[in-house]
Amino acid sequence: MVHTAYLDDTTINYQQGIQFKNPATNGAVPEGYMTPEEFRTKAKTSLTKILNEHGIY
């Protein structure tokens, strides 16, 4: 995951001068990411395909 950090170099206290941007705070899924439901669906489809190819499922 990519984290965007903003540094305020005018602040003496480094703990107050660092801010992280969290794209998940607005509830929107960042571009290129999957929702948990999409991940489960794709994972199940992929696993079923692999198991079928090897005669396990």
PDB file of N, CA and C in Angstrom:
ATOM      1  N   MET A   1       0.847  -1.164   0.000  1.00  0.00           N
ATOM      2  CA  MET A   1       0.000   0.000   0.000  1.00  0.00           C
ATOM      3  C   MET A   1       0.895   1.230   0.000  1.00  0.00           C
ATOM      4  N   VAL A   2       0.485   2.213  -0.709  1.00  0.00           N
ATOM      5  CA  VAL A   2       1.226   3.473  -0.785  1.00  0.00           C
ATOM      6  C   VAL A   2       0.632   4.441   0.225  1.00  0.00           C
ATOM      7  N   HIS A   3       1.495   5.015   1.048  1.00  0.00           N
ATOM      8  CA  HIS A   3       1.072   6.010   2.025  1.00  0.00           C
ATOM      9  C   HIS A   3       1.660   7.350   1.622  1.00  0.00           C
ATOM     10  N   THR A   4       0.828   8.356   1.593  1.00  0.00           N
ATOM     11  CA  THR A   4       1.291   9.702   1.276  1.00  0.00           C
ATOM     12  C   THR A   4       1.518  10.441   2.589  1.00  0.00           C
ATOM     13  N   ALA A   5       2.718  10.937   2.789  1.00  0.00           N
ATOM     14  CA  ALA A   5       3.046  11.680   4.007  1.00  0.00           C
ATOM     15  C   ALA A   5       3.327  13.124   3.645  1.00  0.00           C
ATOM     16  N   TYR A   6       2.814  14.019   4.455  1.00  0.00           N
ATOM     17  CA  TYR A   6       3.064  15.439   4.284  1.00  0.00           C
ATOM     18  C   TYR A   6       3.946  15.897   5.434  1.00  0.00           C
ATOM     19  N   LEU A   7       5.066  16.504   5.117  1.00  0.00           N
ATOM     20  CA  LEU A   7       6.003  16.969   6.125  1.00  0.00           C
ATOM     21  C   LEU A   7       5.980  18.493   6.192  1.00  0.00           C
ATOM     22  N   ASP A   8       5.780  18.998   7.392  1.00  0.00           N
ATOM     23  CA  ASP A   8       5.814  20.440   7.623  1.00  0.00           C
ATOM     24  C   ASP A   8       7.174  20.763   8.224  1.00  0.00           C
ATOM     25  N   ASP A   9       8.091  21.229   7.405  1.00  0.00           N
ATOM     26  CA  ASP A   9       9.453  21.469   7.875  1.00  0.00           C
ATOM     27  C   ASP A   9       9.582  22.767   8.681  1.00  0.00           C
ATOM     28  N   THR A  10       8.482  23.497   8.835  1.00  0.00           N
ATOM     29  CA  THR A  10       8.526  24.686   9.682  1.00  0.00           C
ATOM     30  C   THR A  10       8.233  24.330  11.136  1.00  0.00           C
ATOM     31  N   THR A  11       7.822  23.101  11.403  1.00  0.00           N
ATOM     32  CA  THR A  11       7.501  22.656  12.750  1.00  0.00           C
ATOM     33  C   THR A  11       8.742  22.068  13.402  1.00  0.00           C
ATOM     34  N   ILE A  12       9.012  22.462  14.613  1.00  0.00           N
ATOM     35  CA  ILE A  12      10.173  21.947  15.339  1.00  0.00           C
ATOM     36  C   ILE A  12       9.904  20.524  15.831  1.00  0.00           C
ATOM     37  N   ASN A  13       8.716  20.266  16.341  1.00  0.00           N
ATOM     38  CA  ASN A  13       8.343  18.956  16.863  1.00  0.00           C
ATOM     39  C   ASN A  13       7.942  18.062  15.697  1.00  0.00           C
ATOM     40  N   TYR A  14       8.750  17.063  15.376  1.00  0.00           N
ATOM     41  CA  TYR A  14       8.495  16.231  14.204  1.00  0.00           C
ATOM     42  C   TYR A  14       7.204  15.433  14.311  1.00  0.00           C
ATOM     43  N   GLN A  15       6.751  15.135  15.542  1.00  0.00           N
ATOM     44  CA  GLN A  15       5.517  14.361  15.681  1.00  0.00           C
ATOM     45  C   GLN A  15       4.294  15.174  15.253  1.00  0.00           C
ATOM     46  N   GLN A  16       4.356  16.473  15.401  1.00  0.00           N
ATOM     47  CA  GLN A  16       3.250  17.324  14.972  1.00  0.00           C
ATOM     48  C   GLN A  16       3.391  17.744  13.517  1.00  0.00           C
ATOM     49  N   GLY A  17       4.578  17.603  12.962  1.00  0.00           N
ATOM     50  CA  GLY A  17       4.829  18.067  11.606  1.00  0.00           C
ATOM     51  C   GLY A  17       4.602  17.023  10.531  1.00  0.00           C
ATOM     52  N   ILE A  18       4.206  15.822  10.910  1.00  0.00           N
ATOM     53  CA  ILE A  18       3.971  14.749   9.938  1.00  0.00           C
ATOM     54  C   ILE A  18       2.486  14.421   9.893  1.00  0.00           C
ATOM     55  N   GLN A  19       1.932  14.421   8.699  1.00  0.00           N
ATOM     56  CA  GLN A  19       0.534  14.047   8.503  1.00  0.00           C
ATOM     57  C   GLN A  19       0.472  12.999   7.405  1.00  0.00           C
ATOM     58  N   PHE A  20      -0.367  11.995   7.594  1.00  0.00           N
ATOM     59  CA  PHE A  20      -0.548  10.958   6.602  1.00  0.00           C
ATOM     60  C   PHE A  20      -1.913  11.093   5.965  1.00  0.00           C
ATOM     61  N   LYS A  21      -1.951  10.938   4.663  1.00  0.00           N
ATOM     62  CA  LYS A  21      -3.211  10.989   3.935  1.00  0.00           C
ATOM     63  C   LYS A  21      -3.758   9.566   3.858  1.00  0.00           C
ATOM     64  N   ASN A  22      -4.949   9.350   4.355  1.00  0.00           N
ATOM     65  CA  ASN A  22      -5.586   8.042   4.333  1.00  0.00           C
ATOM     66  C   ASN A  22      -6.730   8.081   3.319  1.00  0.00           C
ATOM     67  N   PRO A  23      -6.563   7.434   2.147  1.00  0.00           N
ATOM     68  CA  PRO A  23      -7.612   7.499   1.134  1.00  0.00           C
ATOM     69  C   PRO A  23      -8.883   6.776   1.545  1.00  0.00           C
ATOM     70  N   ALA A  24      -8.816   5.945   2.570  1.00  0.00           N
ATOM     71  CA  ALA A  24      -9.993   5.191   2.981  1.00  0.00           C
ATOM     72  C   ALA A  24     -10.926   5.996   3.878  1.00  0.00           C
ATOM     73  N   THR A  25     -10.540   7.180   4.304  1.00  0.00           N
ATOM     74  CA  THR A  25     -11.371   7.955   5.215  1.00  0.00           C
ATOM     75  C   THR A  25     -12.657   8.455   4.567  1.00  0.00           C
ATOM     76  N   ASN A  26     -12.657   8.601   3.250  1.00  0.00           N
ATOM     77  CA  ASN A  26     -13.873   9.077   2.590  1.00  0.00           C
ATOM     78  C   ASN A  26     -14.766   7.921   2.137  1.00  0.00           C
ATOM     79  N   GLY A  27     -14.360   6.686   2.390  1.00  0.00           N
ATOM     80  CA  GLY A  27     -15.185   5.526   2.054  1.00  0.00           C
ATOM     81  C   GLY A  27     -15.041   5.060   0.622  1.00  0.00           C
ATOM     82  N   ALA A  28     -14.310   5.765  -0.203  1.00  0.00           N
ATOM     83  CA  ALA A  28     -14.139   5.379  -1.601  1.00  0.00           C
ATOM     84  C   ALA A  28     -12.943   4.443  -1.734  1.00  0.00           C
ATOM     85  N   VAL A  29     -13.106   3.409  -2.536  1.00  0.00           N
ATOM     86  CA  VAL A  29     -12.024   2.467  -2.779  1.00  0.00           C
ATOM     87  C   VAL A  29     -11.069   3.098  -3.787  1.00  0.00           C
ATOM     88  N   PRO A  30      -9.765   3.169  -3.456  1.00  0.00           N
ATOM     89  CA  PRO A  30      -8.816   3.752  -4.399  1.00  0.00           C
ATOM     90  C   PRO A  30      -8.768   2.970  -5.708  1.00  0.00           C
ATOM     91  N   GLU A  31      -8.426   3.646  -6.788  1.00  0.00           N
ATOM     92  CA  GLU A  31      -8.356   3.016  -8.102  1.00  0.00           C
ATOM     93  C   GLU A  31      -7.347   1.863  -8.070  1.00  0.00           C
ATOM     94  N   GLY A  32      -7.747   0.726  -8.602  1.00  0.00           N
ATOM     95  CA  GLY A  32      -6.880  -0.439  -8.631  1.00  0.00           C
ATOM     96  C   GLY A  32      -7.069  -1.376  -7.452  1.00  0.00           C
ATOM     97  N   TYR A  33      -7.819  -0.963  -6.443  1.00  0.00           N
ATOM     98  CA  TYR A  33      -8.079  -1.795  -5.280  1.00  0.00           C
ATOM     99  C   TYR A  33      -9.421  -2.505  -5.445  1.00  0.00           C
ATOM    100  N   MET A  34      -9.589  -3.628  -4.750  1.00  0.00           N
ATOM    101  CA  MET A  34     -10.840  -4.382  -4.784  1.00  0.00           C
ATOM    102  C   MET A  34     -11.537  -4.256  -3.441  1.00  0.00           C
ATOM    103  N   THR A  35     -12.853  -4.348  -3.481  1.00  0.00           N
ATOM    104  CA  THR A  35     -13.599  -4.435  -2.235  1.00  0.00           C
ATOM    105  C   THR A  35     -13.429  -5.859  -1.710  1.00  0.00           C
ATOM    106  N   PRO A  36     -13.693  -6.096  -0.431  1.00  0.00           N
ATOM    107  CA  PRO A  36     -13.580  -7.464   0.090  1.00  0.00           C
ATOM    108  C   PRO A  36     -14.459  -8.466  -0.667  1.00  0.00           C
ATOM    109  N   GLU A  37     -15.637  -8.038  -1.071  1.00  0.00           N
ATOM    110  CA  GLU A  37     -16.538  -8.932  -1.806  1.00  0.00           C
ATOM    111  C   GLU A  37     -15.956  -9.302  -3.171  1.00  0.00           C
ATOM    112  N   GLU A  38     -15.380  -8.318  -3.870  1.00  0.00           N
ATOM    113  CA  GLU A  38     -14.756  -8.589  -5.163  1.00  0.00           C
ATOM    114  C   GLU A  38     -13.582  -9.553  -5.006  1.00  0.00           C
ATOM    115  N   PHE A  39     -12.784  -9.349  -3.942  1.00  0.00           N
ATOM    116  CA  PHE A  39     -11.647 -10.220  -3.704  1.00  0.00           C
ATOM    117  C   PHE A  39     -12.107 -11.655  -3.465  1.00  0.00           C
ATOM    118  N   ARG A  40     -13.113 -11.833  -2.619  1.00  0.00           N
ATOM    119  CA  ARG A  40     -13.612 -13.183  -2.328  1.00  0.00           C
ATOM    120  C   ARG A  40     -14.113 -13.863  -3.598  1.00  0.00           C
ATOM    121  N   THR A  41     -14.878 -13.140  -4.405  1.00  0.00           N
ATOM    122  CA  THR A  41     -15.416 -13.709  -5.639  1.00  0.00           C
ATOM    123  C   THR A  41     -14.301 -14.126  -6.584  1.00  0.00           C
ATOM    124  N   LYS A  42     -13.336 -13.248  -6.794  1.00  0.00           N
ATOM    125  CA  LYS A  42     -12.226 -13.565  -7.704  1.00  0.00           C
ATOM    126  C   LYS A  42     -11.361 -14.691  -7.154  1.00  0.00           C
ATOM    127  N   ALA A  43     -11.125 -14.691  -5.843  1.00  0.00           N
ATOM    128  CA  ALA A  43     -10.303 -15.738  -5.232  1.00  0.00           C
ATOM    129  C   ALA A  43     -10.983 -17.097  -5.356  1.00  0.00           C
ATOM    130  N   LYS A  44     -12.282 -17.156  -5.087  1.00  0.00           N
ATOM    131  CA  LYS A  44     -13.016 -18.422  -5.193  1.00  0.00           C
ATOM    132  C   LYS A  44     -13.015 -18.923  -6.635  1.00  0.00           C
ATOM    133  N   THR A  45     -13.233 -18.020  -7.591  1.00  0.00           N
ATOM    134  CA  THR A  45     -13.238 -18.403  -9.003  1.00  0.00           C
ATOM    135  C   THR A  45     -11.869 -18.942  -9.415  1.00  0.00           C
ATOM    136  N   SER A  46     -10.821 -18.247  -9.012  1.00  0.00           N
ATOM    137  CA  SER A  46      -9.467 -18.663  -9.365  1.00  0.00           C
ATOM    138  C   SER A  46      -9.108 -19.996  -8.719  1.00  0.00           C
ATOM    139  N   LEU A  47      -9.436 -20.158  -7.455  1.00  0.00           N
ATOM    140  CA  LEU A  47      -9.123 -21.396  -6.755  1.00  0.00           C
ATOM    141  C   LEU A  47      -9.901 -22.572  -7.335  1.00  0.00           C
ATOM    142  N   THR A  48     -11.166 -22.369  -7.654  1.00  0.00           N
ATOM    143  CA  THR A  48     -11.970 -23.431  -8.260  1.00  0.00           C
ATOM    144  C   THR A  48     -11.375 -23.845  -9.603  1.00  0.00           C
ATOM    145  N   LYS A  49     -10.940 -22.873 -10.400  1.00  0.00           N
ATOM    146  CA  LYS A  49     -10.328 -23.175 -11.694  1.00  0.00           C
ATOM    147  C   LYS A  49      -9.062 -24.017 -11.518  1.00  0.00           C
ATOM    148  N   ILE A  50      -8.210 -23.614 -10.589  1.00  0.00           N
ATOM    149  CA  ILE A  50      -6.966 -24.365 -10.338  1.00  0.00           C
ATOM    150  C   ILE A  50      -7.262 -25.763  -9.852  1.00  0.00           C
ATOM    151  N   LEU A  51      -8.196 -25.898  -8.937  1.00  0.00           N
ATOM    152  CA  LEU A  51      -8.549 -27.229  -8.411  1.00  0.00           C
ATOM    153  C   LEU A  51      -9.140 -28.120  -9.520  1.00  0.00           C
ATOM    154  N   ASN A  52      -9.958 -27.557 -10.376  1.00  0.00           N
ATOM    155  CA  ASN A  52     -10.538 -28.319 -11.491  1.00  0.00           C
ATOM    156  C   ASN A  52      -9.455 -28.778 -12.474  1.00  0.00           C
ATOM    157  N   GLU A  53      -8.471 -27.921 -12.716  1.00  0.00           N
ATOM    158  CA  GLU A  53      -7.383 -28.272 -13.641  1.00  0.00           C
ATOM    159  C   GLU A  53      -6.576 -29.464 -13.130  1.00  0.00           C
ATOM    160  N   HIS A  54      -6.495 -29.606 -11.814  1.00  0.00           N
ATOM    161  CA  HIS A  54      -5.712 -30.677 -11.219  1.00  0.00           C
ATOM    162  C   HIS A  54      -6.584 -31.840 -10.749  1.00  0.00           C
ATOM    163  N   GLY A  55      -7.868 -31.802 -11.073  1.00  0.00           N
ATOM    164  CA  GLY A  55      -8.770 -32.886 -10.734  1.00  0.00           C
ATOM    165  C   GLY A  55      -9.031 -33.046  -9.241  1.00  0.00           C
ATOM    166  N   ILE A  56      -8.899 -32.006  -8.512  1.00  0.00           N
ATOM    167  CA  ILE A  56      -9.096 -32.065  -7.046  1.00  0.00           C
ATOM    168  C   ILE A  56     -10.527 -31.699  -6.683  1.00  0.00           C
ATOM    169  N   TYR A  57     -11.168 -30.878  -7.483  1.00  0.00           N
ATOM    170  CA  TYR A  57     -12.492 -30.370  -7.129  1.00  0.00           C
ATOM    171  C   TYR A  57     -13.494 -30.780  -8.159  1.00  0.00           C
TER     172      TYR A  57
END
